[in-house]
Amino acid sequence: MKMLVVYYTIIVTVLLDQVVSDDPTTCTTKYGLELDHPGTSCDDIYEKNPASHYKSGLYVIKTNKVQLVYCDMSLECGSHKGGWMRIADLDTRKDNCPPGWIKNSGYNSLCTGGSAAGCYSAHFTTDGTSFSRICGMMKGYQKGSMNGFFPYGYAAFGYRLYTPAVTVSTSLDGVYVDGVSITYGNPRKHIWTYAVGLSEDYDYSSYNNRFNCPCAKYPGTTPPPYIGNDYYCESGNTGEYRDSTLYSQDPLWDGYNCPSENNCCNRPGMPWFFQQLPVKESASSIEVRICHDESFANEGVAIEQLQLYIQ
């Protein structure tokens, strides 16, 4: 057992050597840099150790245990710079999909949900760290006939001219959106929604355009009240949709390539979001759900990148 402890200490020391600046004038404290000087969070280390301002990397914190976490000391999100703890850094073109998602070889090896209608969850641990701010970004692509917030609209208002899957819901726990829902806690509390509309500029007048984003040239269903303005919505498609098509030429939620009279690219900060919580939370994980109210044969979203940070 003594040898294992020594070995672990050596490994941690080597990793922490990557953090310490080569400039001795910046190494004013060992706080967060050694096992016997842990911080309580990345933000705590940023505040108390000026040397940390110069380099992102692995730091030592102590919550329910002493552990190494990745702290981004240069990220500025929601006017809060530095001290962000990374809990997700996913590039699906080279990384495995998290449990709950599928590596879809038929769609450029991106991560998708399952084949049936519903929501498919991936969980990203907070390692016991309490947080009151959440920052993140997502990059994905539309497949087929994604319908924005219509699943909520159908469940709430009973729209006709369309027969939905049984998964449509007015609840945050169900399929209220075609897209991605980010939540925390039990019961779930909303953080952010990445919605996907049917078309950026096509007039589906016979359906009152309810399948489009609220910001589309021909606006669609508005989001449920518990979402508020905490969402991005975009479509990768111009014109009519095709069920079997992955619209890989236009990434979603990036703030680019929106046609005239479409306001979906006007939100500042896209694809990054920032959320300030009313109180400090101790949720064990952030839940990210890929949702679609029809089968993947008709529609879906393929995720390429995901980053999540807490503070």
C-alpha atoms as a PDB file:
ATOM      1  CA  MET A   1       0.000   0.000   0.000  1.00  0.00           C
ATOM      2  CA  LYS A   2       2.866   2.400   0.833  1.00  0.00           C
ATOM      3  CA  MET A   3       4.385   1.823  -2.609  1.00  0.00           C
ATOM      4  CA  LEU A   4       1.031   2.624  -4.260  1.00  0.00           C
ATOM      5  CA  VAL A   5       0.801   5.926  -2.364  1.00  0.00           C
ATOM      6  CA  VAL A   6       4.334   6.865  -3.401  1.00  0.00           C
ATOM      7  CA  TYR A   7       3.590   5.940  -7.005  1.00  0.00           C
ATOM      8  CA  TYR A   8       0.401   8.012  -7.010  1.00  0.00           C
ATOM      9  CA  THR A   9       2.249  10.996  -5.544  1.00  0.00           C
ATOM     10  CA  ILE A  10       4.909  10.758  -8.260  1.00  0.00           C
ATOM     11  CA  ILE A  11       2.262  10.656 -11.009  1.00  0.00           C
ATOM     12  CA  VAL A  12       0.426  13.665  -9.544  1.00  0.00           C
ATOM     13  CA  THR A  13       3.683  15.598  -9.195  1.00  0.00           C
ATOM     14  CA  VAL A  14       4.554  14.959 -12.831  1.00  0.00           C
ATOM     15  CA  LEU A  15       1.118  16.108 -13.955  1.00  0.00           C
ATOM     16  CA  LEU A  16       1.250  19.206 -11.822  1.00  0.00           C
ATOM     17  CA  ASP A  17       4.627  20.130 -13.294  1.00  0.00           C
ATOM     18  CA  GLN A  18       2.663  20.866 -16.490  1.00  0.00           C
ATOM     19  CA  VAL A  19       0.739  23.576 -14.642  1.00  0.00           C
ATOM     20  CA  VAL A  20       3.509  25.563 -12.982  1.00  0.00           C
ATOM     21  CA  SER A  21       4.791  28.476 -15.022  1.00  0.00           C
ATOM     22  CA  ASP A  22       8.437  28.529 -16.071  1.00  0.00           C
ATOM     23  CA  ASP A  23       8.622  32.124 -14.872  1.00  0.00           C
ATOM     24  CA  PRO A  24       9.613  31.981 -11.177  1.00  0.00           C
ATOM     25  CA  THR A  25       8.152  35.441 -10.551  1.00  0.00           C
ATOM     26  CA  THR A  26       4.639  34.064 -11.077  1.00  0.00           C
ATOM     27  CA  CYS A  27       5.018  31.108  -8.683  1.00  0.00           C
ATOM     28  CA  THR A  28       3.942  32.995  -5.581  1.00  0.00           C
ATOM     29  CA  THR A  29       2.056  30.137  -3.913  1.00  0.00           C
ATOM     30  CA  LYS A  30       1.560  26.397  -4.072  1.00  0.00           C
ATOM     31  CA  TYR A  31      -2.196  26.690  -3.544  1.00  0.00           C
ATOM     32  CA  GLY A  32      -3.913  24.230  -5.877  1.00  0.00           C
ATOM     33  CA  LEU A  33      -0.594  22.918  -7.159  1.00  0.00           C
ATOM     34  CA  GLU A  34       0.227  20.272  -4.557  1.00  0.00           C
ATOM     35  CA  LEU A  35      -1.727  17.496  -2.879  1.00  0.00           C
ATOM     36  CA  ASP A  36      -1.321  19.066   0.549  1.00  0.00           C
ATOM     37  CA  HIS A  37      -2.401  22.509  -0.723  1.00  0.00           C
ATOM     38  CA  PRO A  38      -5.705  21.770  -2.527  1.00  0.00           C
ATOM     39  CA  GLY A  39      -8.196  24.440  -3.476  1.00  0.00           C
ATOM     40  CA  THR A  40     -11.943  23.990  -3.126  1.00  0.00           C
ATOM     41  CA  SER A  41     -12.650  24.703  -6.812  1.00  0.00           C
ATOM     42  CA  CYS A  42     -11.022  26.104  -9.955  1.00  0.00           C
ATOM     43  CA  ASP A  43     -12.572  29.477  -9.176  1.00  0.00           C
ATOM     44  CA  ASP A  44     -11.172  29.352  -5.645  1.00  0.00           C
ATOM     45  CA  ILE A  45      -7.672  28.646  -6.994  1.00  0.00           C
ATOM     46  CA  TYR A  46      -7.976  31.445  -9.546  1.00  0.00           C
ATOM     47  CA  GLU A  47      -8.942  33.897  -6.807  1.00  0.00           C
ATOM     48  CA  LYS A  48      -6.279  32.868  -4.290  1.00  0.00           C
ATOM     49  CA  ASN A  49      -3.313  31.906  -6.463  1.00  0.00           C
ATOM     50  CA  PRO A  50      -2.161  34.608  -8.904  1.00  0.00           C
ATOM     51  CA  ALA A  51       0.199  32.109 -10.546  1.00  0.00           C
ATOM     52  CA  SER A  52      -2.815  30.188 -11.861  1.00  0.00           C
ATOM     53  CA  HIS A  53      -3.861  33.106 -14.082  1.00  0.00           C
ATOM     54  CA  TYR A  54      -1.069  32.259 -16.502  1.00  0.00           C
ATOM     55  CA  LYS A  55      -1.886  28.667 -17.364  1.00  0.00           C
ATOM     56  CA  SER A  56      -4.875  26.386 -17.815  1.00  0.00           C
ATOM     57  CA  GLY A  57      -4.329  22.746 -16.933  1.00  0.00           C
ATOM     58  CA  LEU A  58      -4.574  20.219 -14.116  1.00  0.00           C
ATOM     59  CA  TYR A  59      -5.015  21.511 -10.578  1.00  0.00           C
ATOM     60  CA  VAL A  60      -5.704  19.901  -7.198  1.00  0.00           C
ATOM     61  CA  ILE A  61      -9.037  20.483  -5.499  1.00  0.00           C
ATOM     62  CA  LYS A  62     -10.678  18.917  -2.475  1.00  0.00           C
ATOM     63  CA  THR A  63     -14.441  18.381  -2.317  1.00  0.00           C
ATOM     64  CA  ASN A  64     -15.522  14.978  -1.048  1.00  0.00           C
ATOM     65  CA  LYS A  65     -12.046  13.804  -2.032  1.00  0.00           C
ATOM     66  CA  VAL A  66      -8.713  15.193  -3.211  1.00  0.00           C
ATOM     67  CA  GLN A  67      -8.558  15.041  -6.996  1.00  0.00           C
ATOM     68  CA  LEU A  68      -7.052  16.494 -10.136  1.00  0.00           C
ATOM     69  CA  VAL A  69      -9.396  18.508 -12.363  1.00  0.00           C
ATOM     70  CA  TYR A  70      -8.881  20.570 -15.499  1.00  0.00           C
ATOM     71  CA  CYS A  71      -9.209  24.304 -14.861  1.00  0.00           C
ATOM     72  CA  ASP A  72      -9.514  26.776 -17.722  1.00  0.00           C
ATOM     73  CA  MET A  73      -7.924  29.952 -16.434  1.00  0.00           C
ATOM     74  CA  SER A  74      -8.430  32.053 -19.567  1.00  0.00           C
ATOM     75  CA  LEU A  75     -12.033  31.254 -20.577  1.00  0.00           C
ATOM     76  CA  GLU A  76     -14.317  34.283 -20.290  1.00  0.00           C
ATOM     77  CA  CYS A  77     -18.006  33.447 -20.171  1.00  0.00           C
ATOM     78  CA  GLY A  78     -20.791  35.705 -18.963  1.00  0.00           C
ATOM     79  CA  SER A  79     -18.152  38.334 -18.002  1.00  0.00           C
ATOM     80  CA  HIS A  80     -16.533  35.821 -15.612  1.00  0.00           C
ATOM     81  CA  LYS A  81     -12.942  35.181 -16.673  1.00  0.00           C
ATOM     82  CA  GLY A  82     -10.864  32.278 -15.414  1.00  0.00           C
ATOM     83  CA  GLY A  83     -11.545  29.622 -12.811  1.00  0.00           C
ATOM     84  CA  TRP A  84     -13.791  27.406 -14.933  1.00  0.00           C
ATOM     85  CA  MET A  85     -13.761  23.659 -14.236  1.00  0.00           C
ATOM     86  CA  ARG A  86     -14.157  21.575 -17.386  1.00  0.00           C
ATOM     87  CA  ILE A  87     -16.539  18.622 -17.114  1.00  0.00           C
ATOM     88  CA  ALA A  88     -16.974  17.834 -20.822  1.00  0.00           C
ATOM     89  CA  ASP A  89     -14.648  18.228 -23.800  1.00  0.00           C
ATOM     90  CA  LEU A  90     -16.043  16.050 -26.563  1.00  0.00           C
ATOM     91  CA  ASP A  91     -14.969  15.942 -30.201  1.00  0.00           C
ATOM     92  CA  THR A  92     -16.917  13.021 -31.588  1.00  0.00           C
ATOM     93  CA  ARG A  93     -14.848  12.744 -34.774  1.00  0.00           C
ATOM     94  CA  LYS A  94     -11.988  11.442 -32.654  1.00  0.00           C
ATOM     95  CA  ASP A  95     -13.545  10.612 -29.251  1.00  0.00           C
ATOM     96  CA  ASN A  96     -15.885   7.838 -28.232  1.00  0.00           C
ATOM     97  CA  CYS A  97     -19.480   8.816 -27.557  1.00  0.00           C
ATOM     98  CA  PRO A  98     -20.485   8.987 -23.885  1.00  0.00           C
ATOM     99  CA  PRO A  99     -22.738   6.210 -22.559  1.00  0.00           C
ATOM    100  CA  GLY A 100     -26.295   6.784 -23.753  1.00  0.00           C
ATOM    101  CA  TRP A 101     -25.298   8.042 -27.209  1.00  0.00           C
ATOM    102  CA  ILE A 102     -24.377   6.082 -30.326  1.00  0.00           C
ATOM    103  CA  LYS A 103     -21.316   6.433 -32.563  1.00  0.00           C
ATOM    104  CA  ASN A 104     -23.117   6.577 -35.895  1.00  0.00           C
ATOM    105  CA  SER A 105     -20.832   5.345 -38.654  1.00  0.00           C
ATOM    106  CA  GLY A 106     -23.485   6.154 -41.246  1.00  0.00           C
ATOM    107  CA  TYR A 107     -23.332   9.841 -40.335  1.00  0.00           C
ATOM    108  CA  ASN A 108     -19.651  10.777 -40.329  1.00  0.00           C
ATOM    109  CA  SER A 109     -19.089   8.870 -37.050  1.00  0.00           C
ATOM    110  CA  LEU A 110     -20.899  11.595 -35.106  1.00  0.00           C
ATOM    111  CA  CYS A 111     -22.882  10.916 -31.924  1.00  0.00           C
ATOM    112  CA  THR A 112     -26.638  10.452 -32.201  1.00  0.00           C
ATOM    113  CA  GLY A 113     -29.474   9.239 -30.013  1.00  0.00           C
ATOM    114  CA  GLY A 114     -31.276   5.959 -30.551  1.00  0.00           C
ATOM    115  CA  SER A 115     -33.370   4.808 -33.487  1.00  0.00           C
ATOM    116  CA  ALA A 116     -36.770   5.238 -31.770  1.00  0.00           C
ATOM    117  CA  ALA A 117     -38.500   8.489 -30.886  1.00  0.00           C
ATOM    118  CA  GLY A 118     -37.560   9.805 -27.449  1.00  0.00           C
ATOM    119  CA  CYS A 119     -34.729  11.412 -25.475  1.00  0.00           C
ATOM    120  CA  TYR A 120     -31.269   9.884 -25.021  1.00  0.00           C
ATOM    121  CA  SER A 121     -29.246  11.014 -22.016  1.00  0.00           C
ATOM    122  CA  ALA A 122     -25.526  11.445 -21.456  1.00  0.00           C
ATOM    123  CA  HIS A 123     -24.293  12.483 -17.997  1.00  0.00           C
ATOM    124  CA  PHE A 124     -21.178  14.542 -17.265  1.00  0.00           C
ATOM    125  CA  THR A 125     -20.000  14.432 -13.658  1.00  0.00           C
ATOM    126  CA  THR A 126     -19.255  17.528 -11.599  1.00  0.00           C
ATOM    127  CA  ASP A 127     -16.959  15.474  -9.319  1.00  0.00           C
ATOM    128  CA  GLY A 128     -18.722  16.699  -6.196  1.00  0.00           C
ATOM    129  CA  THR A 129     -18.034  20.369  -6.979  1.00  0.00           C
ATOM    130  CA  SER A 130     -20.801  22.841  -6.173  1.00  0.00           C
ATOM    131  CA  PHE A 131     -21.507  25.437  -8.840  1.00  0.00           C
ATOM    132  CA  SER A 132     -23.659  28.461  -9.559  1.00  0.00           C
ATOM    133  CA  ARG A 133     -22.546  29.204 -13.131  1.00  0.00           C
ATOM    134  CA  ILE A 134     -22.552  26.997 -16.202  1.00  0.00           C
ATOM    135  CA  CYS A 135     -20.908  27.711 -19.538  1.00  0.00           C
ATOM    136  CA  GLY A 136     -20.765  25.587 -22.662  1.00  0.00           C
ATOM    137  CA  MET A 137     -21.051  25.150 -26.393  1.00  0.00           C
ATOM    138  CA  MET A 138     -22.354  22.589 -28.848  1.00  0.00           C
ATOM    139  CA  LYS A 139     -21.901  21.903 -32.547  1.00  0.00           C
ATOM    140  CA  GLY A 140     -24.224  19.576 -34.398  1.00  0.00           C
ATOM    141  CA  TYR A 141     -26.036  18.851 -37.641  1.00  0.00           C
ATOM    142  CA  GLN A 142     -29.671  18.383 -38.599  1.00  0.00           C
ATOM    143  CA  LYS A 143     -31.004  15.170 -40.057  1.00  0.00           C
ATOM    144  CA  GLY A 144     -34.361  15.234 -41.798  1.00  0.00           C
ATOM    145  CA  SER A 145     -37.561  16.749 -40.443  1.00  0.00           C
ATOM    146  CA  MET A 146     -36.662  18.278 -37.063  1.00  0.00           C
ATOM    147  CA  ASN A 147     -39.578  20.356 -35.785  1.00  0.00           C
ATOM    148  CA  GLY A 148     -38.228  22.876 -33.266  1.00  0.00           C
ATOM    149  CA  PHE A 149     -40.575  23.354 -30.316  1.00  0.00           C
ATOM    150  CA  PHE A 150     -43.539  21.791 -32.079  1.00  0.00           C
ATOM    151  CA  PRO A 151     -43.493  18.690 -29.804  1.00  0.00           C
ATOM    152  CA  TYR A 152     -44.319  20.976 -26.857  1.00  0.00           C
ATOM    153  CA  GLY A 153     -46.832  22.882 -28.972  1.00  0.00           C
ATOM    154  CA  TYR A 154     -48.632  19.731 -30.013  1.00  0.00           C
ATOM    155  CA  ALA A 155     -48.871  18.408 -26.467  1.00  0.00           C
ATOM    156  CA  ALA A 156     -50.001  21.786 -25.100  1.00  0.00           C
ATOM    157  CA  PHE A 157     -52.419  22.847 -27.811  1.00  0.00           C
ATOM    158  CA  GLY A 158     -53.366  19.643 -29.678  1.00  0.00           C
ATOM    159  CA  TYR A 159     -52.443  20.800 -33.175  1.00  0.00           C
ATOM    160  CA  ARG A 160     -54.145  18.990 -35.999  1.00  0.00           C
ATOM    161  CA  LEU A 161     -52.849  17.972 -39.434  1.00  0.00           C
ATOM    162  CA  TYR A 162     -50.099  15.962 -37.794  1.00  0.00           C
ATOM    163  CA  THR A 163     -49.920  12.680 -35.897  1.00  0.00           C
ATOM    164  CA  PRO A 164     -47.025  12.820 -33.434  1.00  0.00           C
ATOM    165  CA  ALA A 165     -45.240  10.017 -31.689  1.00  0.00           C
ATOM    166  CA  VAL A 166     -46.416   9.278 -28.150  1.00  0.00           C
ATOM    167  CA  THR A 167     -43.288  11.010 -26.831  1.00  0.00           C
ATOM    168  CA  VAL A 168     -44.483  14.619 -27.272  1.00  0.00           C
ATOM    169  CA  SER A 169     -44.714  16.387 -23.931  1.00  0.00           C
ATOM    170  CA  THR A 170     -45.311  19.678 -22.174  1.00  0.00           C
ATOM    171  CA  SER A 171     -42.843  18.586 -19.491  1.00  0.00           C
ATOM    172  CA  LEU A 172     -39.126  19.224 -19.203  1.00  0.00           C
ATOM    173  CA  ASP A 173     -38.815  15.478 -18.550  1.00  0.00           C
ATOM    174  CA  GLY A 174     -40.265  14.540 -21.942  1.00  0.00           C
ATOM    175  CA  VAL A 175     -39.784  15.431 -25.601  1.00  0.00           C
ATOM    176  CA  TYR A 176     -40.664  19.122 -25.550  1.00  0.00           C
ATOM    177  CA  VAL A 177     -38.185  19.899 -28.357  1.00  0.00           C
ATOM    178  CA  ASP A 178     -36.532  18.384 -31.378  1.00  0.00           C
ATOM    179  CA  GLY A 179     -32.923  19.088 -30.469  1.00  0.00           C
ATOM    180  CA  VAL A 180     -30.799  18.937 -27.316  1.00  0.00           C
ATOM    181  CA  SER A 181     -31.883  19.638 -23.727  1.00  0.00           C
ATOM    182  CA  ILE A 182     -29.313  20.450 -21.006  1.00  0.00           C
ATOM    183  CA  THR A 183     -30.474  20.070 -17.404  1.00  0.00           C
ATOM    184  CA  TYR A 184     -29.261  19.343 -13.863  1.00  0.00           C
ATOM    185  CA  GLY A 185     -30.692  17.949 -10.641  1.00  0.00           C
ATOM    186  CA  ASN A 186     -33.571  15.706  -9.665  1.00  0.00           C
ATOM    187  CA  PRO A 187     -36.196  16.814 -10.479  1.00  0.00           C
ATOM    188  CA  ARG A 188     -34.679  18.239 -13.626  1.00  0.00           C
ATOM    189  CA  LYS A 189     -33.964  21.952 -13.822  1.00  0.00           C
ATOM    190  CA  HIS A 190     -33.385  23.640 -17.145  1.00  0.00           C
ATOM    191  CA  ILE A 191     -30.019  25.075 -18.160  1.00  0.00           C
ATOM    192  CA  TRP A 192     -30.148  25.505 -21.945  1.00  0.00           C
ATOM    193  CA  THR A 193     -31.869  24.113 -25.040  1.00  0.00           C
ATOM    194  CA  TYR A 194     -30.397  23.744 -28.528  1.00  0.00           C
ATOM    195  CA  ALA A 195     -33.467  23.440 -30.780  1.00  0.00           C
ATOM    196  CA  VAL A 196     -33.544  22.450 -34.454  1.00  0.00           C
ATOM    197  CA  GLY A 197     -36.230  23.784 -36.789  1.00  0.00           C
ATOM    198  CA  LEU A 198     -37.478  22.305 -40.027  1.00  0.00           C
ATOM    199  CA  SER A 199     -36.330  25.032 -42.416  1.00  0.00           C
ATOM    200  CA  GLU A 200     -34.667  28.406 -42.245  1.00  0.00           C
ATOM    201  CA  ASP A 201     -36.758  30.068 -44.921  1.00  0.00           C
ATOM    202  CA  TYR A 202     -39.472  27.759 -46.300  1.00  0.00           C
ATOM    203  CA  ASP A 203     -43.126  28.743 -45.990  1.00  0.00           C
ATOM    204  CA  TYR A 204     -45.106  25.760 -44.726  1.00  0.00           C
ATOM    205  CA  SER A 205     -48.281  27.809 -44.793  1.00  0.00           C
ATOM    206  CA  SER A 206     -50.613  24.790 -44.761  1.00  0.00           C
ATOM    207  CA  TYR A 207     -49.176  23.881 -41.330  1.00  0.00           C
ATOM    208  CA  ASN A 208     -48.898  27.490 -40.089  1.00  0.00           C
ATOM    209  CA  ASN A 209     -45.120  27.017 -40.165  1.00  0.00           C
ATOM    210  CA  ARG A 210     -45.307  25.538 -36.669  1.00  0.00           C
ATOM    211  CA  PHE A 211     -42.341  23.240 -37.359  1.00  0.00           C
ATOM    212  CA  ASN A 212     -39.857  26.107 -37.888  1.00  0.00           C
ATOM    213  CA  CYS A 213     -37.795  27.922 -35.267  1.00  0.00           C
ATOM    214  CA  PRO A 214     -39.451  30.905 -33.565  1.00  0.00           C
ATOM    215  CA  CYS A 215     -36.745  33.058 -35.191  1.00  0.00           C
ATOM    216  CA  ALA A 216     -37.146  31.651 -38.746  1.00  0.00           C
ATOM    217  CA  LYS A 217     -38.257  33.732 -41.705  1.00  0.00           C
ATOM    218  CA  TYR A 218     -41.637  32.070 -41.245  1.00  0.00           C
ATOM    219  CA  PRO A 219     -41.717  31.712 -37.424  1.00  0.00           C
ATOM    220  CA  GLY A 220     -42.720  28.472 -35.768  1.00  0.00           C
ATOM    221  CA  THR A 221     -43.884  27.356 -32.327  1.00  0.00           C
ATOM    222  CA  THR A 222     -42.630  29.377 -29.372  1.00  0.00           C
ATOM    223  CA  PRO A 223     -40.787  27.548 -26.556  1.00  0.00           C
ATOM    224  CA  PRO A 224     -42.483  26.501 -23.317  1.00  0.00           C
ATOM    225  CA  PRO A 225     -42.488  29.025 -20.449  1.00  0.00           C
ATOM    226  CA  TYR A 226     -39.857  27.133 -18.421  1.00  0.00           C
ATOM    227  CA  ILE A 227     -37.355  27.647 -21.269  1.00  0.00           C
ATOM    228  CA  GLY A 228     -37.793  31.406 -21.484  1.00  0.00           C
ATOM    229  CA  ASN A 229     -35.061  32.886 -23.641  1.00  0.00           C
ATOM    230  CA  ASP A 230     -32.474  30.276 -22.610  1.00  0.00           C
ATOM    231  CA  TYR A 231     -32.184  28.553 -25.973  1.00  0.00           C
ATOM    232  CA  TYR A 232     -30.738  28.707 -29.448  1.00  0.00           C
ATOM    233  CA  CYS A 233     -32.724  27.508 -32.441  1.00  0.00           C
ATOM    234  CA  GLU A 234     -31.476  27.064 -35.975  1.00  0.00           C
ATOM    235  CA  SER A 235     -32.033  24.882 -39.019  1.00  0.00           C
ATOM    236  CA  GLY A 236     -29.398  23.455 -41.332  1.00  0.00           C
ATOM    237  CA  ASN A 237     -31.923  23.305 -44.134  1.00  0.00           C
ATOM    238  CA  THR A 238     -33.155  25.855 -46.649  1.00  0.00           C
ATOM    239  CA  GLY A 239     -36.188  24.991 -48.717  1.00  0.00           C
ATOM    240  CA  GLU A 240     -38.228  21.856 -48.178  1.00  0.00           C
ATOM    241  CA  TYR A 241     -36.844  19.047 -46.038  1.00  0.00           C
ATOM    242  CA  ARG A 242     -35.771  15.523 -46.947  1.00  0.00           C
ATOM    243  CA  ASP A 243     -36.075  12.808 -44.283  1.00  0.00           C
ATOM    244  CA  SER A 244     -32.903  10.907 -45.196  1.00  0.00           C
ATOM    245  CA  THR A 245     -30.628  13.956 -45.475  1.00  0.00           C
ATOM    246  CA  LEU A 246     -27.899  14.962 -43.039  1.00  0.00           C
ATOM    247  CA  TYR A 247     -27.390  18.690 -43.620  1.00  0.00           C
ATOM    248  CA  SER A 248     -23.653  18.534 -43.064  1.00  0.00           C
ATOM    249  CA  GLN A 249     -22.784  21.738 -44.924  1.00  0.00           C
ATOM    250  CA  ASP A 250     -24.331  24.074 -42.350  1.00  0.00           C
ATOM    251  CA  PRO A 251     -23.468  23.452 -38.672  1.00  0.00           C
ATOM    252  CA  LEU A 252     -26.232  24.290 -36.229  1.00  0.00           C
ATOM    253  CA  TRP A 253     -26.166  27.086 -33.618  1.00  0.00           C
ATOM    254  CA  ASP A 254     -22.982  28.707 -34.915  1.00  0.00           C
ATOM    255  CA  GLY A 255     -24.542  32.074 -35.770  1.00  0.00           C
ATOM    256  CA  TYR A 256     -23.692  31.850 -39.471  1.00  0.00           C
ATOM    257  CA  ASN A 257     -25.412  31.302 -42.829  1.00  0.00           C
ATOM    258  CA  CYS A 258     -28.888  32.446 -41.873  1.00  0.00           C
ATOM    259  CA  PRO A 259     -30.774  33.825 -44.907  1.00  0.00           C
ATOM    260  CA  SER A 260     -32.368  37.265 -45.012  1.00  0.00           C
ATOM    261  CA  GLU A 261     -35.386  37.821 -42.750  1.00  0.00           C
ATOM    262  CA  ASN A 262     -34.220  34.942 -40.548  1.00  0.00           C
ATOM    263  CA  ASN A 263     -33.152  36.090 -37.068  1.00  0.00           C
ATOM    264  CA  CYS A 264     -31.755  32.818 -35.733  1.00  0.00           C
ATOM    265  CA  CYS A 265     -28.127  33.928 -36.108  1.00  0.00           C
ATOM    266  CA  ASN A 266     -28.594  37.182 -34.211  1.00  0.00           C
ATOM    267  CA  ARG A 267     -27.969  35.921 -30.684  1.00  0.00           C
ATOM    268  CA  PRO A 268     -24.573  37.115 -29.364  1.00  0.00           C
ATOM    269  CA  GLY A 269     -22.148  34.459 -28.207  1.00  0.00           C
ATOM    270  CA  MET A 270     -23.409  31.582 -30.351  1.00  0.00           C
ATOM    271  CA  PRO A 271     -22.674  28.698 -30.043  1.00  0.00           C
ATOM    272  CA  TRP A 272     -21.628  29.435 -26.426  1.00  0.00           C
ATOM    273  CA  PHE A 273     -24.179  29.803 -23.661  1.00  0.00           C
ATOM    274  CA  PHE A 274     -23.892  31.107 -20.108  1.00  0.00           C
ATOM    275  CA  GLN A 275     -26.300  30.434 -17.262  1.00  0.00           C
ATOM    276  CA  GLN A 276     -26.279  31.977 -13.800  1.00  0.00           C
ATOM    277  CA  LEU A 277     -28.182  29.864 -11.273  1.00  0.00           C
ATOM    278  CA  PRO A 278     -30.171  31.523  -8.463  1.00  0.00           C
ATOM    279  CA  VAL A 279     -28.371  29.510  -5.790  1.00  0.00           C
ATOM    280  CA  LYS A 280     -25.261  27.346  -5.568  1.00  0.00           C
ATOM    281  CA  GLU A 281     -26.022  23.753  -6.553  1.00  0.00           C
ATOM    282  CA  SER A 282     -24.395  20.439  -5.709  1.00  0.00           C
ATOM    283  CA  ALA A 283     -25.843  18.306  -8.519  1.00  0.00           C
ATOM    284  CA  SER A 284     -23.685  15.268  -9.232  1.00  0.00           C
ATOM    285  CA  SER A 285     -23.853  15.662 -12.992  1.00  0.00           C
ATOM    286  CA  ILE A 286     -25.085  17.714 -15.929  1.00  0.00           C
ATOM    287  CA  GLU A 287     -27.499  15.802 -18.162  1.00  0.00           C
ATOM    288  CA  VAL A 288     -27.453  16.348 -21.931  1.00  0.00           C
ATOM    289  CA  ARG A 289     -30.358  14.751 -23.830  1.00  0.00           C
ATOM    290  CA  ILE A 290     -30.690  14.304 -27.589  1.00  0.00           C
ATOM    291  CA  CYS A 291     -34.442  14.408 -28.304  1.00  0.00           C
ATOM    292  CA  HIS A 292     -36.634  13.781 -31.347  1.00  0.00           C
ATOM    293  CA  ASP A 293     -40.361  13.058 -31.423  1.00  0.00           C
ATOM    294  CA  GLU A 294     -40.121  10.773 -34.468  1.00  0.00           C
ATOM    295  CA  SER A 295     -37.792   7.895 -35.252  1.00  0.00           C
ATOM    296  CA  PHE A 296     -34.245   8.515 -36.451  1.00  0.00           C
ATOM    297  CA  ALA A 297     -35.354   7.254 -39.867  1.00  0.00           C
ATOM    298  CA  ASN A 298     -37.241  10.562 -40.166  1.00  0.00           C
ATOM    299  CA  GLU A 299     -35.227  12.984 -38.071  1.00  0.00           C
ATOM    300  CA  GLY A 300     -32.438  13.493 -35.583  1.00  0.00           C
ATOM    301  CA  VAL A 301     -29.429  15.560 -34.590  1.00  0.00           C
ATOM    302  CA  ALA A 302     -25.804  14.455 -34.902  1.00  0.00           C
ATOM    303  CA  ILE A 303     -23.406  15.965 -32.345  1.00  0.00           C
ATOM    304  CA  GLU A 304     -19.821  16.812 -33.282  1.00  0.00           C
ATOM    305  CA  GLN A 305     -18.607  18.918 -30.359  1.00  0.00           C
ATOM    306  CA  LEU A 306     -19.633  19.538 -26.761  1.00  0.00           C
ATOM    307  CA  GLN A 307     -17.895  21.537 -24.039  1.00  0.00           C
ATOM    308  CA  LEU A 308     -19.226  22.131 -20.542  1.00  0.00           C
ATOM    309  CA  TYR A 309     -17.719  24.171 -17.690  1.00  0.00           C
ATOM    310  CA  ILE A 310     -18.902  24.969 -14.176  1.00  0.00           C
ATOM    311  CA  GLN A 311     -17.905  27.608 -11.653  1.00  0.00           C
END
